Amino acid sequence: QFSFQENGWGASLAERLVRKCDVVNRGLSGYNTRWAKLLLPRLISKSAGAESTVAVTIFFGANDSALKDLNPKQHVPLEEYAANLKSMIQYLKSVDITEDRIILITPPPLQESAWEKECLAKGDKLNRLNATTGEYAQACVQVARDCGTDVVDLWTLMQKNQDFSSYLSDGLHLSRKGNTFLSGQLWSLLEKKLSALPSLLPYWRDVDHTNPEASLL
């Protein structure tokens, strides 16, 4: 949901793709794969132009990996999380969005001390752990391997920089730097898929102002 905020990764991709294709945001803050699996047919269907879809990103795990005893509402067991991702991929394939157009994104790492401050401010205990999030990230990568989709393993890539806290605004959600990082990782996958897309309508200097119909219709 936050990907279209100022400097968000979705907004960044939309800017790069202006007059090439539309970037549609269907992220829902706080949701997990159990809920998303149910909603997906309402968000993407054959009648909604699936055949013209160039790519779909599936980005879940930060909520699924919440600790069951401290956050039972968002928690989804690891095995179900993986099964839900596979189910979403199978659904997309059923509406003719092939696996080569699907990109899974793992949850980013969790900076526990920063997120604990956020939890304590709300009267809660720390309800996520980075090691647990890592298990879900590994499951996401395995699903991508099993199903033949692309994957951006944020959990691993961000921790190659020893201090990954700068990628996160509050220990959980992406900061401006984190959004830029994800946008760059996705663009490296999308660029080859989108390089052949033509620009929509001619550049304004190329429009015949004496006969615009000839250029625009």
N, C-alpha and C. Protein backbone atom coordinates (compact mmCIF):
# COMPACT_ATOMS: atom_id res chain seq x y z
N GLN A 1 0.83 -1.20 0.00
CA GLN A 1 0.00 0.00 0.00
C GLN A 1 0.87 1.26 0.00
N PHE A 2 1.97 1.21 0.74
CA PHE A 2 2.82 2.40 0.86
C PHE A 2 3.74 2.60 -0.34
N SER A 3 3.68 1.70 -1.31
CA SER A 3 4.63 1.79 -2.43
C SER A 3 4.37 3.00 -3.33
N PHE A 4 3.18 3.60 -3.21
CA PHE A 4 2.87 4.77 -4.03
C PHE A 4 2.96 6.07 -3.24
N GLN A 5 3.49 6.00 -2.02
CA GLN A 5 3.74 7.24 -1.30
C GLN A 5 4.95 7.94 -1.93
N GLU A 6 5.23 9.17 -1.51
CA GLU A 6 6.35 9.90 -2.08
C GLU A 6 7.64 9.08 -1.96
N ASN A 7 8.34 8.92 -3.06
CA ASN A 7 9.58 8.14 -3.14
C ASN A 7 9.36 6.63 -2.95
N GLY A 8 8.12 6.16 -3.02
CA GLY A 8 7.85 4.74 -2.90
C GLY A 8 8.31 3.97 -4.13
N TRP A 9 8.54 2.67 -3.94
CA TRP A 9 9.07 1.88 -5.06
C TRP A 9 8.07 1.75 -6.21
N GLY A 10 6.78 1.68 -5.89
CA GLY A 10 5.77 1.62 -6.94
C GLY A 10 5.69 2.90 -7.73
N ALA A 11 5.75 4.03 -7.02
CA ALA A 11 5.73 5.33 -7.69
C ALA A 11 6.95 5.50 -8.58
N SER A 12 8.09 5.02 -8.11
CA SER A 12 9.32 5.11 -8.90
C SER A 12 9.20 4.32 -10.20
N LEU A 13 8.65 3.09 -10.11
CA LEU A 13 8.47 2.29 -11.32
C LEU A 13 7.46 2.95 -12.26
N ALA A 14 6.39 3.51 -11.69
CA ALA A 14 5.38 4.18 -12.52
C ALA A 14 6.00 5.34 -13.29
N GLU A 15 6.90 6.07 -12.62
CA GLU A 15 7.55 7.20 -13.29
C GLU A 15 8.43 6.72 -14.43
N ARG A 16 9.14 5.62 -14.22
CA ARG A 16 10.01 5.08 -15.27
C ARG A 16 9.19 4.59 -16.46
N LEU A 17 7.97 4.14 -16.19
CA LEU A 17 7.18 3.49 -17.23
C LEU A 17 6.09 4.39 -17.80
N VAL A 18 6.13 5.67 -17.47
CA VAL A 18 5.11 6.58 -17.98
C VAL A 18 5.09 6.52 -19.51
N ARG A 19 3.88 6.45 -20.08
CA ARG A 19 3.66 6.33 -21.53
C ARG A 19 4.15 5.01 -22.11
N LYS A 20 4.48 4.07 -21.23
CA LYS A 20 4.78 2.70 -21.68
C LYS A 20 3.66 1.77 -21.21
N CYS A 21 3.39 1.80 -19.90
CA CYS A 21 2.29 1.01 -19.35
C CYS A 21 1.91 1.58 -17.98
N ASP A 22 0.75 1.20 -17.49
CA ASP A 22 0.27 1.65 -16.19
C ASP A 22 0.77 0.71 -15.11
N VAL A 23 1.20 1.28 -13.99
CA VAL A 23 1.56 0.50 -12.81
C VAL A 23 0.41 0.60 -11.83
N VAL A 24 -0.21 -0.53 -11.53
CA VAL A 24 -1.42 -0.56 -10.71
C VAL A 24 -1.06 -1.08 -9.32
N ASN A 25 -1.39 -0.30 -8.29
CA ASN A 25 -1.08 -0.67 -6.91
C ASN A 25 -2.29 -1.34 -6.27
N ARG A 26 -2.11 -2.59 -5.87
CA ARG A 26 -3.17 -3.30 -5.15
C ARG A 26 -2.65 -3.84 -3.82
N GLY A 27 -1.63 -3.14 -3.29
CA GLY A 27 -1.12 -3.51 -1.97
C GLY A 27 -2.09 -3.10 -0.88
N LEU A 28 -2.17 -3.90 0.18
CA LEU A 28 -3.11 -3.64 1.27
C LEU A 28 -2.36 -3.75 2.59
N SER A 29 -2.21 -2.61 3.26
CA SER A 29 -1.43 -2.56 4.49
C SER A 29 -1.95 -3.54 5.53
N GLY A 30 -1.04 -4.31 6.11
CA GLY A 30 -1.40 -5.22 7.20
C GLY A 30 -1.90 -6.58 6.76
N TYR A 31 -2.12 -6.77 5.46
CA TYR A 31 -2.69 -8.04 4.99
C TYR A 31 -1.63 -9.14 4.95
N ASN A 32 -2.10 -10.37 4.98
CA ASN A 32 -1.22 -11.54 4.86
C ASN A 32 -1.65 -12.37 3.66
N THR A 33 -0.94 -13.46 3.40
CA THR A 33 -1.25 -14.28 2.21
C THR A 33 -2.59 -14.99 2.34
N ARG A 34 -3.02 -15.28 3.54
CA ARG A 34 -4.32 -15.95 3.73
C ARG A 34 -5.44 -15.08 3.21
N TRP A 35 -5.36 -13.80 3.48
CA TRP A 35 -6.40 -12.87 3.03
C TRP A 35 -6.20 -12.54 1.55
N ALA A 36 -4.94 -12.35 1.13
CA ALA A 36 -4.66 -11.96 -0.25
C ALA A 36 -5.10 -13.04 -1.23
N LYS A 37 -4.91 -14.30 -0.86
CA LYS A 37 -5.30 -15.41 -1.73
C LYS A 37 -6.80 -15.34 -2.04
N LEU A 38 -7.59 -14.95 -1.06
CA LEU A 38 -9.04 -14.85 -1.25
C LEU A 38 -9.41 -13.67 -2.15
N LEU A 39 -8.64 -12.59 -2.04
CA LEU A 39 -8.97 -11.37 -2.77
C LEU A 39 -8.44 -11.34 -4.20
N LEU A 40 -7.42 -12.13 -4.49
CA LEU A 40 -6.74 -12.02 -5.77
C LEU A 40 -7.68 -12.10 -6.98
N PRO A 41 -8.65 -13.02 -7.00
CA PRO A 41 -9.55 -13.07 -8.16
C PRO A 41 -10.35 -11.79 -8.36
N ARG A 42 -10.57 -11.02 -7.30
CA ARG A 42 -11.27 -9.74 -7.43
C ARG A 42 -10.35 -8.66 -7.97
N LEU A 43 -9.04 -8.84 -7.79
CA LEU A 43 -8.08 -7.82 -8.20
C LEU A 43 -7.59 -8.02 -9.62
N ILE A 44 -7.44 -9.29 -10.02
CA ILE A 44 -6.92 -9.60 -11.36
C ILE A 44 -7.79 -10.71 -11.96
N SER A 45 -8.34 -10.45 -13.12
CA SER A 45 -9.15 -11.46 -13.80
C SER A 45 -8.95 -11.32 -15.30
N LYS A 46 -9.41 -12.31 -16.04
CA LYS A 46 -9.31 -12.22 -17.50
C LYS A 46 -10.04 -11.00 -18.02
N SER A 47 -11.18 -10.69 -17.41
CA SER A 47 -11.97 -9.56 -17.87
C SER A 47 -11.32 -8.23 -17.52
N ALA A 48 -10.35 -8.26 -16.60
CA ALA A 48 -9.66 -7.03 -16.20
C ALA A 48 -8.36 -6.83 -16.97
N GLY A 49 -8.23 -7.50 -18.10
CA GLY A 49 -7.09 -7.29 -18.97
C GLY A 49 -5.85 -8.06 -18.60
N ALA A 50 -6.04 -9.27 -18.08
CA ALA A 50 -4.88 -10.07 -17.69
C ALA A 50 -3.95 -10.33 -18.87
N GLU A 51 -4.54 -10.43 -20.08
CA GLU A 51 -3.72 -10.77 -21.24
C GLU A 51 -2.73 -9.64 -21.57
N SER A 52 -3.02 -8.42 -21.13
CA SER A 52 -2.11 -7.30 -21.40
C SER A 52 -1.22 -6.98 -20.20
N THR A 53 -1.24 -7.84 -19.20
CA THR A 53 -0.40 -7.64 -18.02
C THR A 53 1.03 -8.05 -18.33
N VAL A 54 1.95 -7.14 -18.11
CA VAL A 54 3.36 -7.40 -18.41
C VAL A 54 4.04 -8.10 -17.24
N ALA A 55 3.69 -7.71 -16.01
CA ALA A 55 4.31 -8.31 -14.83
C ALA A 55 3.41 -8.12 -13.62
N VAL A 56 3.50 -9.06 -12.70
CA VAL A 56 2.79 -8.98 -11.42
C VAL A 56 3.81 -9.25 -10.31
N THR A 57 3.84 -8.39 -9.31
CA THR A 57 4.68 -8.64 -8.14
C THR A 57 3.82 -9.15 -6.99
N ILE A 58 4.34 -10.10 -6.24
CA ILE A 58 3.67 -10.63 -5.05
C ILE A 58 4.64 -10.43 -3.89
N PHE A 59 4.25 -9.58 -2.93
CA PHE A 59 5.16 -9.13 -1.88
C PHE A 59 4.50 -9.33 -0.51
N PHE A 60 4.72 -10.51 0.06
CA PHE A 60 4.14 -10.85 1.36
C PHE A 60 5.17 -11.56 2.23
N GLY A 61 4.91 -11.55 3.52
CA GLY A 61 5.77 -12.28 4.45
C GLY A 61 6.03 -11.54 5.74
N ALA A 62 6.09 -10.22 5.69
CA ALA A 62 6.36 -9.45 6.90
C ALA A 62 5.24 -9.62 7.92
N ASN A 63 4.00 -9.73 7.45
CA ASN A 63 2.87 -9.93 8.37
C ASN A 63 2.65 -11.41 8.68
N ASP A 64 2.78 -12.25 7.67
CA ASP A 64 2.63 -13.70 7.89
C ASP A 64 3.59 -14.20 8.97
N SER A 65 4.80 -13.61 9.00
CA SER A 65 5.85 -14.09 9.91
C SER A 65 5.74 -13.49 11.32
N ALA A 66 4.71 -12.70 11.58
CA ALA A 66 4.50 -12.20 12.95
C ALA A 66 4.35 -13.39 13.90
N LEU A 67 4.82 -13.22 15.12
CA LEU A 67 4.81 -14.33 16.08
C LEU A 67 3.38 -14.68 16.49
N LYS A 68 3.04 -15.94 16.42
CA LYS A 68 1.66 -16.38 16.63
C LYS A 68 1.13 -15.99 18.00
N ASP A 69 1.93 -16.18 19.05
CA ASP A 69 1.42 -15.91 20.40
C ASP A 69 1.26 -14.43 20.68
N LEU A 70 1.99 -13.57 19.96
CA LEU A 70 1.92 -12.14 20.20
C LEU A 70 1.12 -11.39 19.13
N ASN A 71 0.92 -11.99 17.97
CA ASN A 71 0.18 -11.33 16.90
C ASN A 71 -0.59 -12.38 16.10
N PRO A 72 -1.57 -13.04 16.73
CA PRO A 72 -2.28 -14.13 16.05
C PRO A 72 -3.13 -13.67 14.87
N LYS A 73 -3.50 -12.40 14.85
CA LYS A 73 -4.38 -11.93 13.77
C LYS A 73 -3.66 -11.94 12.42
N GLN A 74 -2.40 -11.53 12.40
CA GLN A 74 -1.67 -11.45 11.15
C GLN A 74 -0.87 -12.72 10.85
N HIS A 75 -0.51 -13.47 11.87
CA HIS A 75 0.35 -14.65 11.70
C HIS A 75 -0.28 -15.70 10.78
N VAL A 76 0.55 -16.24 9.90
CA VAL A 76 0.19 -17.38 9.07
C VAL A 76 1.33 -18.40 9.20
N PRO A 77 1.03 -19.66 9.50
CA PRO A 77 2.11 -20.66 9.64
C PRO A 77 2.95 -20.75 8.37
N LEU A 78 4.22 -21.08 8.55
CA LEU A 78 5.18 -21.09 7.45
C LEU A 78 4.72 -21.94 6.28
N GLU A 79 4.24 -23.16 6.57
CA GLU A 79 3.83 -24.07 5.49
C GLU A 79 2.64 -23.50 4.73
N GLU A 80 1.71 -22.88 5.45
CA GLU A 80 0.55 -22.29 4.79
C GLU A 80 0.96 -21.08 3.95
N TYR A 81 1.90 -20.31 4.47
CA TYR A 81 2.43 -19.16 3.72
C TYR A 81 2.94 -19.61 2.35
N ALA A 82 3.76 -20.66 2.34
CA ALA A 82 4.30 -21.16 1.08
C ALA A 82 3.18 -21.67 0.18
N ALA A 83 2.23 -22.38 0.76
CA ALA A 83 1.11 -22.91 -0.02
C ALA A 83 0.27 -21.78 -0.61
N ASN A 84 0.09 -20.71 0.16
CA ASN A 84 -0.69 -19.57 -0.32
C ASN A 84 -0.01 -18.88 -1.49
N LEU A 85 1.31 -18.74 -1.41
CA LEU A 85 2.04 -18.15 -2.53
C LEU A 85 1.88 -19.01 -3.78
N LYS A 86 2.00 -20.32 -3.62
CA LYS A 86 1.83 -21.22 -4.77
C LYS A 86 0.41 -21.12 -5.33
N SER A 87 -0.56 -21.00 -4.44
CA SER A 87 -1.95 -20.88 -4.87
C SER A 87 -2.16 -19.61 -5.70
N MET A 88 -1.54 -18.51 -5.27
CA MET A 88 -1.68 -17.26 -6.00
C MET A 88 -1.01 -17.36 -7.38
N ILE A 89 0.13 -18.02 -7.44
CA ILE A 89 0.80 -18.21 -8.72
C ILE A 89 -0.07 -19.07 -9.64
N GLN A 90 -0.64 -20.14 -9.10
CA GLN A 90 -1.50 -21.01 -9.91
C GLN A 90 -2.73 -20.25 -10.41
N TYR A 91 -3.29 -19.39 -9.56
CA TYR A 91 -4.44 -18.61 -10.00
C TYR A 91 -4.05 -17.69 -11.16
N LEU A 92 -2.92 -17.00 -11.01
CA LEU A 92 -2.48 -16.09 -12.08
C LEU A 92 -2.27 -16.84 -13.38
N LYS A 93 -1.70 -18.03 -13.29
CA LYS A 93 -1.51 -18.84 -14.50
C LYS A 93 -2.85 -19.23 -15.11
N SER A 94 -3.87 -19.43 -14.26
CA SER A 94 -5.19 -19.82 -14.75
C SER A 94 -5.87 -18.71 -15.55
N VAL A 95 -5.43 -17.46 -15.32
CA VAL A 95 -5.97 -16.33 -16.10
C VAL A 95 -4.91 -15.85 -17.11
N ASP A 96 -4.03 -16.78 -17.47
CA ASP A 96 -3.07 -16.58 -18.56
C ASP A 96 -1.97 -15.57 -18.26
N ILE A 97 -1.62 -15.42 -16.99
CA ILE A 97 -0.42 -14.67 -16.63
C ILE A 97 0.65 -15.72 -16.30
N THR A 98 1.55 -15.93 -17.24
CA THR A 98 2.52 -17.02 -17.13
C THR A 98 3.58 -16.72 -16.07
N GLU A 99 4.24 -17.80 -15.63
CA GLU A 99 5.20 -17.67 -14.52
C GLU A 99 6.34 -16.72 -14.84
N ASP A 100 6.69 -16.57 -16.12
CA ASP A 100 7.78 -15.66 -16.47
C ASP A 100 7.39 -14.19 -16.30
N ARG A 101 6.11 -13.94 -16.02
CA ARG A 101 5.66 -12.56 -15.77
C ARG A 101 5.35 -12.32 -14.29
N ILE A 102 5.70 -13.26 -13.44
CA ILE A 102 5.42 -13.16 -12.00
C ILE A 102 6.73 -12.98 -11.25
N ILE A 103 6.76 -12.00 -10.34
CA ILE A 103 7.94 -11.74 -9.52
C ILE A 103 7.53 -11.80 -8.06
N LEU A 104 8.12 -12.74 -7.32
CA LEU A 104 7.93 -12.79 -5.88
C LEU A 104 8.95 -11.87 -5.21
N ILE A 105 8.55 -11.26 -4.11
CA ILE A 105 9.46 -10.42 -3.31
C ILE A 105 9.40 -10.94 -1.88
N THR A 106 10.54 -11.27 -1.31
CA THR A 106 10.56 -11.74 0.07
C THR A 106 10.38 -10.55 1.01
N PRO A 107 9.99 -10.82 2.25
CA PRO A 107 9.98 -9.72 3.22
C PRO A 107 11.40 -9.21 3.43
N PRO A 108 11.54 -7.93 3.74
CA PRO A 108 12.87 -7.42 4.09
C PRO A 108 13.27 -7.89 5.48
N PRO A 109 14.52 -7.72 5.85
CA PRO A 109 14.91 -8.08 7.21
C PRO A 109 14.23 -7.18 8.23
N LEU A 110 14.16 -7.64 9.46
CA LEU A 110 13.55 -6.89 10.55
C LEU A 110 14.65 -6.35 11.46
N GLN A 111 14.63 -5.06 11.69
CA GLN A 111 15.57 -4.45 12.64
C GLN A 111 14.86 -4.43 14.00
N GLU A 112 15.16 -5.41 14.81
CA GLU A 112 14.34 -5.71 15.99
C GLU A 112 14.29 -4.56 17.00
N SER A 113 15.41 -3.91 17.27
CA SER A 113 15.40 -2.87 18.30
C SER A 113 14.52 -1.70 17.90
N ALA A 114 14.55 -1.32 16.61
CA ALA A 114 13.71 -0.22 16.15
C ALA A 114 12.23 -0.60 16.17
N TRP A 115 11.93 -1.84 15.74
CA TRP A 115 10.53 -2.26 15.73
C TRP A 115 10.00 -2.46 17.15
N GLU A 116 10.87 -2.88 18.05
CA GLU A 116 10.44 -3.04 19.44
C GLU A 116 9.99 -1.70 20.03
N LYS A 117 10.68 -0.62 19.67
CA LYS A 117 10.27 0.71 20.14
C LYS A 117 8.86 1.05 19.65
N GLU A 118 8.58 0.70 18.39
CA GLU A 118 7.25 0.95 17.84
C GLU A 118 6.19 0.13 18.59
N CYS A 119 6.53 -1.12 18.89
CA CYS A 119 5.59 -1.98 19.61
C CYS A 119 5.34 -1.47 21.03
N LEU A 120 6.41 -1.11 21.72
CA LEU A 120 6.29 -0.64 23.09
C LEU A 120 5.48 0.64 23.17
N ALA A 121 5.62 1.50 22.16
CA ALA A 121 4.87 2.75 22.13
C ALA A 121 3.37 2.50 22.06
N LYS A 122 2.98 1.33 21.53
CA LYS A 122 1.56 0.96 21.45
C LYS A 122 1.15 0.04 22.59
N GLY A 123 2.05 -0.17 23.53
CA GLY A 123 1.75 -1.04 24.66
C GLY A 123 1.89 -2.51 24.37
N ASP A 124 2.60 -2.85 23.27
CA ASP A 124 2.77 -4.24 22.87
C ASP A 124 4.21 -4.69 23.08
N LYS A 125 4.41 -6.00 23.06
CA LYS A 125 5.76 -6.56 23.07
C LYS A 125 6.26 -6.71 21.63
N LEU A 126 7.56 -6.92 21.49
CA LEU A 126 8.13 -7.18 20.17
C LEU A 126 7.44 -8.39 19.56
N ASN A 127 6.78 -8.19 18.42
CA ASN A 127 5.92 -9.25 17.87
C ASN A 127 6.45 -9.88 16.58
N ARG A 128 7.71 -9.60 16.27
CA ARG A 128 8.37 -10.20 15.11
C ARG A 128 9.84 -10.41 15.45
N LEU A 129 10.47 -11.36 14.78
CA LEU A 129 11.91 -11.62 14.95
C LEU A 129 12.55 -11.75 13.57
N ASN A 130 13.75 -11.22 13.41
CA ASN A 130 14.40 -11.27 12.11
C ASN A 130 14.68 -12.70 11.65
N ALA A 131 15.06 -13.56 12.58
CA ALA A 131 15.34 -14.96 12.20
C ALA A 131 14.09 -15.64 11.67
N THR A 132 12.95 -15.35 12.30
CA THR A 132 11.68 -15.92 11.83
C THR A 132 11.33 -15.38 10.45
N THR A 133 11.49 -14.07 10.28
CA THR A 133 11.24 -13.48 8.97
C THR A 133 12.11 -14.13 7.91
N GLY A 134 13.34 -14.46 8.28
CA GLY A 134 14.25 -15.11 7.36
C GLY A 134 13.75 -16.47 6.90
N GLU A 135 13.08 -17.20 7.78
CA GLU A 135 12.52 -18.50 7.40
C GLU A 135 11.44 -18.32 6.33
N TYR A 136 10.64 -17.28 6.47
CA TYR A 136 9.59 -17.00 5.49
C TYR A 136 10.22 -16.54 4.17
N ALA A 137 11.29 -15.75 4.26
CA ALA A 137 11.99 -15.33 3.05
C ALA A 137 12.55 -16.54 2.30
N GLN A 138 13.14 -17.48 3.04
CA GLN A 138 13.67 -18.69 2.40
C GLN A 138 12.56 -19.50 1.74
N ALA A 139 11.41 -19.56 2.40
CA ALA A 139 10.26 -20.28 1.83
C ALA A 139 9.79 -19.61 0.54
N CYS A 140 9.79 -18.28 0.53
CA CYS A 140 9.40 -17.53 -0.66
C CYS A 140 10.35 -17.82 -1.82
N VAL A 141 11.64 -17.83 -1.54
CA VAL A 141 12.64 -18.15 -2.57
C VAL A 141 12.42 -19.56 -3.10
N GLN A 142 12.11 -20.49 -2.21
CA GLN A 142 11.90 -21.88 -2.64
C GLN A 142 10.66 -22.00 -3.50
N VAL A 143 9.60 -21.28 -3.17
CA VAL A 143 8.40 -21.29 -3.99
C VAL A 143 8.72 -20.78 -5.39
N ALA A 144 9.51 -19.71 -5.46
CA ALA A 144 9.89 -19.17 -6.78
C ALA A 144 10.65 -20.22 -7.59
N ARG A 145 11.55 -20.94 -6.93
CA ARG A 145 12.30 -22.00 -7.63
C ARG A 145 11.36 -23.10 -8.11
N ASP A 146 10.46 -23.50 -7.22
CA ASP A 146 9.53 -24.59 -7.55
C ASP A 146 8.60 -24.22 -8.70
N CYS A 147 8.19 -22.95 -8.73
CA CYS A 147 7.17 -22.52 -9.69
C CYS A 147 7.74 -21.85 -10.93
N GLY A 148 9.04 -21.58 -10.93
CA GLY A 148 9.66 -20.99 -12.11
C GLY A 148 9.45 -19.50 -12.27
N THR A 149 9.23 -18.80 -11.15
CA THR A 149 9.07 -17.35 -11.22
C THR A 149 10.37 -16.66 -10.84
N ASP A 150 10.46 -15.38 -11.13
CA ASP A 150 11.56 -14.56 -10.62
C ASP A 150 11.31 -14.28 -9.14
N VAL A 151 12.38 -13.92 -8.43
CA VAL A 151 12.24 -13.55 -7.03
C VAL A 151 13.28 -12.50 -6.69
N VAL A 152 12.88 -11.52 -5.87
CA VAL A 152 13.81 -10.56 -5.29
C VAL A 152 13.91 -10.90 -3.81
N ASP A 153 15.07 -11.42 -3.40
CA ASP A 153 15.27 -11.86 -2.02
C ASP A 153 15.77 -10.68 -1.19
N LEU A 154 14.83 -9.81 -0.82
CA LEU A 154 15.19 -8.61 -0.06
C LEU A 154 15.88 -8.95 1.26
N TRP A 155 15.39 -9.99 1.92
CA TRP A 155 15.93 -10.34 3.24
C TRP A 155 17.43 -10.60 3.16
N THR A 156 17.85 -11.32 2.14
CA THR A 156 19.27 -11.62 1.97
C THR A 156 20.04 -10.43 1.40
N LEU A 157 19.50 -9.82 0.36
CA LEU A 157 20.21 -8.73 -0.32
C LEU A 157 20.47 -7.55 0.61
N MET A 158 19.51 -7.20 1.43
CA MET A 158 19.68 -6.03 2.30
C MET A 158 20.67 -6.30 3.43
N GLN A 159 20.82 -7.54 3.81
CA GLN A 159 21.75 -7.85 4.89
C GLN A 159 23.18 -8.04 4.40
N LYS A 160 23.38 -7.96 3.09
CA LYS A 160 24.75 -7.93 2.59
C LYS A 160 25.43 -6.65 3.05
N ASN A 161 24.64 -5.60 3.22
CA ASN A 161 25.11 -4.38 3.87
C ASN A 161 24.94 -4.63 5.37
N GLN A 162 26.03 -4.70 6.12
CA GLN A 162 25.95 -5.15 7.51
C GLN A 162 24.94 -4.34 8.32
N ASP A 163 24.91 -3.02 8.13
CA ASP A 163 23.93 -2.20 8.83
C ASP A 163 22.76 -1.95 7.89
N PHE A 164 21.77 -2.85 7.94
CA PHE A 164 20.64 -2.73 7.02
C PHE A 164 19.55 -1.80 7.55
N SER A 165 19.76 -1.23 8.74
CA SER A 165 18.70 -0.42 9.35
C SER A 165 18.32 0.78 8.50
N SER A 166 19.26 1.28 7.68
CA SER A 166 18.96 2.45 6.86
C SER A 166 17.93 2.14 5.77
N TYR A 167 17.71 0.87 5.48
CA TYR A 167 16.71 0.48 4.49
C TYR A 167 15.30 0.50 5.08
N LEU A 168 15.18 0.69 6.39
CA LEU A 168 13.89 0.60 7.08
C LEU A 168 13.59 1.89 7.82
N SER A 169 12.33 2.29 7.80
CA SER A 169 11.94 3.55 8.46
C SER A 169 11.67 3.36 9.94
N ASP A 170 11.22 2.16 10.32
CA ASP A 170 10.83 1.92 11.71
C ASP A 170 11.23 0.52 12.16
N GLY A 171 12.13 -0.10 11.42
CA GLY A 171 12.53 -1.46 11.71
C GLY A 171 11.78 -2.51 10.91
N LEU A 172 10.63 -2.12 10.35
CA LEU A 172 9.78 -3.06 9.60
C LEU A 172 9.50 -2.57 8.19
N HIS A 173 9.03 -1.33 8.07
CA HIS A 173 8.64 -0.78 6.77
C HIS A 173 9.83 -0.13 6.07
N LEU A 174 9.77 -0.10 4.75
CA LEU A 174 10.89 0.43 3.97
C LEU A 174 11.04 1.94 4.13
N SER A 175 12.28 2.38 4.26
CA SER A 175 12.60 3.80 4.25
C SER A 175 12.72 4.26 2.80
N ARG A 176 13.04 5.53 2.62
CA ARG A 176 13.27 6.03 1.26
C ARG A 176 14.39 5.24 0.60
N LYS A 177 15.47 4.98 1.33
CA LYS A 177 16.59 4.22 0.77
C LYS A 177 16.16 2.79 0.44
N GLY A 178 15.33 2.20 1.31
CA GLY A 178 14.83 0.85 1.06
C GLY A 178 13.94 0.79 -0.16
N ASN A 179 13.10 1.79 -0.33
CA ASN A 179 12.25 1.86 -1.52
C ASN A 179 13.08 1.98 -2.79
N THR A 180 14.12 2.81 -2.73
CA THR A 180 15.00 2.98 -3.89
C THR A 180 15.72 1.66 -4.21
N PHE A 181 16.14 0.95 -3.16
CA PHE A 181 16.82 -0.32 -3.35
C PHE A 181 15.90 -1.33 -4.02
N LEU A 182 14.67 -1.46 -3.53
CA LEU A 182 13.73 -2.41 -4.12
C LEU A 182 13.38 -2.03 -5.55
N SER A 183 13.16 -0.75 -5.79
CA SER A 183 12.85 -0.30 -7.14
C SER A 183 13.97 -0.69 -8.10
N GLY A 184 15.22 -0.52 -7.67
CA GLY A 184 16.35 -0.88 -8.51
C GLY A 184 16.43 -2.37 -8.79
N GLN A 185 16.17 -3.17 -7.76
CA GLN A 185 16.18 -4.62 -7.93
C GLN A 185 15.09 -5.07 -8.91
N LEU A 186 13.91 -4.49 -8.77
CA LEU A 186 12.81 -4.85 -9.67
C LEU A 186 13.08 -4.38 -11.10
N TRP A 187 13.66 -3.19 -11.22
CA TRP A 187 13.91 -2.67 -12.56
C TRP A 187 14.88 -3.55 -13.33
N SER A 188 15.84 -4.12 -12.63
CA SER A 188 16.80 -5.00 -13.31
C SER A 188 16.09 -6.22 -13.89
N LEU A 189 14.99 -6.65 -13.27
CA LEU A 189 14.19 -7.76 -13.80
C LEU A 189 13.19 -7.29 -14.86
N LEU A 190 12.63 -6.10 -14.64
CA LEU A 190 11.57 -5.63 -15.52
C LEU A 190 12.09 -5.04 -16.82
N GLU A 191 13.28 -4.49 -16.79
CA GLU A 191 13.79 -3.77 -17.96
C GLU A 191 13.79 -4.64 -19.20
N LYS A 192 14.24 -5.90 -19.04
CA LYS A 192 14.28 -6.79 -20.20
C LYS A 192 12.88 -7.18 -20.66
N LYS A 193 11.93 -7.25 -19.71
CA LYS A 193 10.55 -7.59 -20.08
C LYS A 193 9.87 -6.42 -20.80
N LEU A 194 10.29 -5.21 -20.49
CA LEU A 194 9.58 -4.02 -20.96
C LEU A 194 10.31 -3.26 -22.06
N SER A 195 11.51 -3.71 -22.40
CA SER A 195 12.32 -2.93 -23.34
C SER A 195 11.65 -2.81 -24.71
N ALA A 196 10.83 -3.78 -25.07
CA ALA A 196 10.20 -3.76 -26.40
C ALA A 196 8.90 -2.97 -26.44
N LEU A 197 8.43 -2.50 -25.28
CA LEU A 197 7.17 -1.76 -25.27
C LEU A 197 7.34 -0.41 -25.95
N PRO A 198 6.46 -0.07 -26.88
CA PRO A 198 6.56 1.25 -27.52
C PRO A 198 6.00 2.34 -26.60
N SER A 199 6.42 3.57 -26.85
CA SER A 199 5.82 4.69 -26.14
C SER A 199 4.41 4.92 -26.68
N LEU A 200 3.50 5.26 -25.79
CA LEU A 200 2.12 5.51 -26.19
C LEU A 200 2.00 6.91 -26.77
N LEU A 201 1.57 7.00 -28.00
CA LEU A 201 1.36 8.25 -28.72
C LEU A 201 2.68 8.99 -28.97
N PRO A 202 2.72 9.77 -30.03
CA PRO A 202 3.98 10.42 -30.43
C PRO A 202 4.38 11.55 -29.48
N TYR A 203 5.69 11.83 -29.45
CA TYR A 203 6.21 12.99 -28.73
C TYR A 203 5.55 14.23 -29.31
N TRP A 204 5.30 15.21 -28.46
CA TRP A 204 4.48 16.35 -28.92
C TRP A 204 5.11 17.08 -30.11
N ARG A 205 6.43 17.14 -30.17
CA ARG A 205 7.07 17.83 -31.30
C ARG A 205 6.85 17.09 -32.62
N ASP A 206 6.49 15.79 -32.51
CA ASP A 206 6.29 15.00 -33.73
C ASP A 206 4.85 15.03 -34.22
N VAL A 207 3.95 15.70 -33.47
CA VAL A 207 2.56 15.81 -33.90
C VAL A 207 2.45 16.87 -35.00
N ASP A 208 1.77 16.52 -36.07
CA ASP A 208 1.54 17.48 -37.16
C ASP A 208 0.45 18.44 -36.70
N HIS A 209 0.86 19.65 -36.33
CA HIS A 209 -0.12 20.61 -35.78
C HIS A 209 -1.11 21.08 -36.81
N THR A 210 -0.78 20.96 -38.09
CA THR A 210 -1.73 21.38 -39.13
C THR A 210 -2.77 20.30 -39.41
N ASN A 211 -2.45 19.08 -39.00
CA ASN A 211 -3.37 17.96 -39.22
C ASN A 211 -3.16 16.94 -38.08
N PRO A 212 -3.57 17.28 -36.84
CA PRO A 212 -3.29 16.41 -35.70
C PRO A 212 -3.93 15.02 -35.83
N GLU A 213 -5.04 14.95 -36.55
CA GLU A 213 -5.69 13.65 -36.72
C GLU A 213 -4.74 12.63 -37.36
N ALA A 214 -3.90 13.09 -38.27
CA ALA A 214 -2.99 12.19 -38.96
C ALA A 214 -1.97 11.58 -38.01
N SER A 215 -1.65 12.31 -36.93
CA SER A 215 -0.66 11.82 -35.98
C SER A 215 -1.27 11.06 -34.81
N LEU A 216 -2.52 11.43 -34.46
CA LEU A 216 -3.08 10.96 -33.20
C LEU A 216 -4.17 9.92 -33.33
N LEU A 217 -4.78 9.80 -34.53
CA LEU A 217 -5.88 8.86 -34.69
C LEU A 217 -5.45 7.65 -35.52
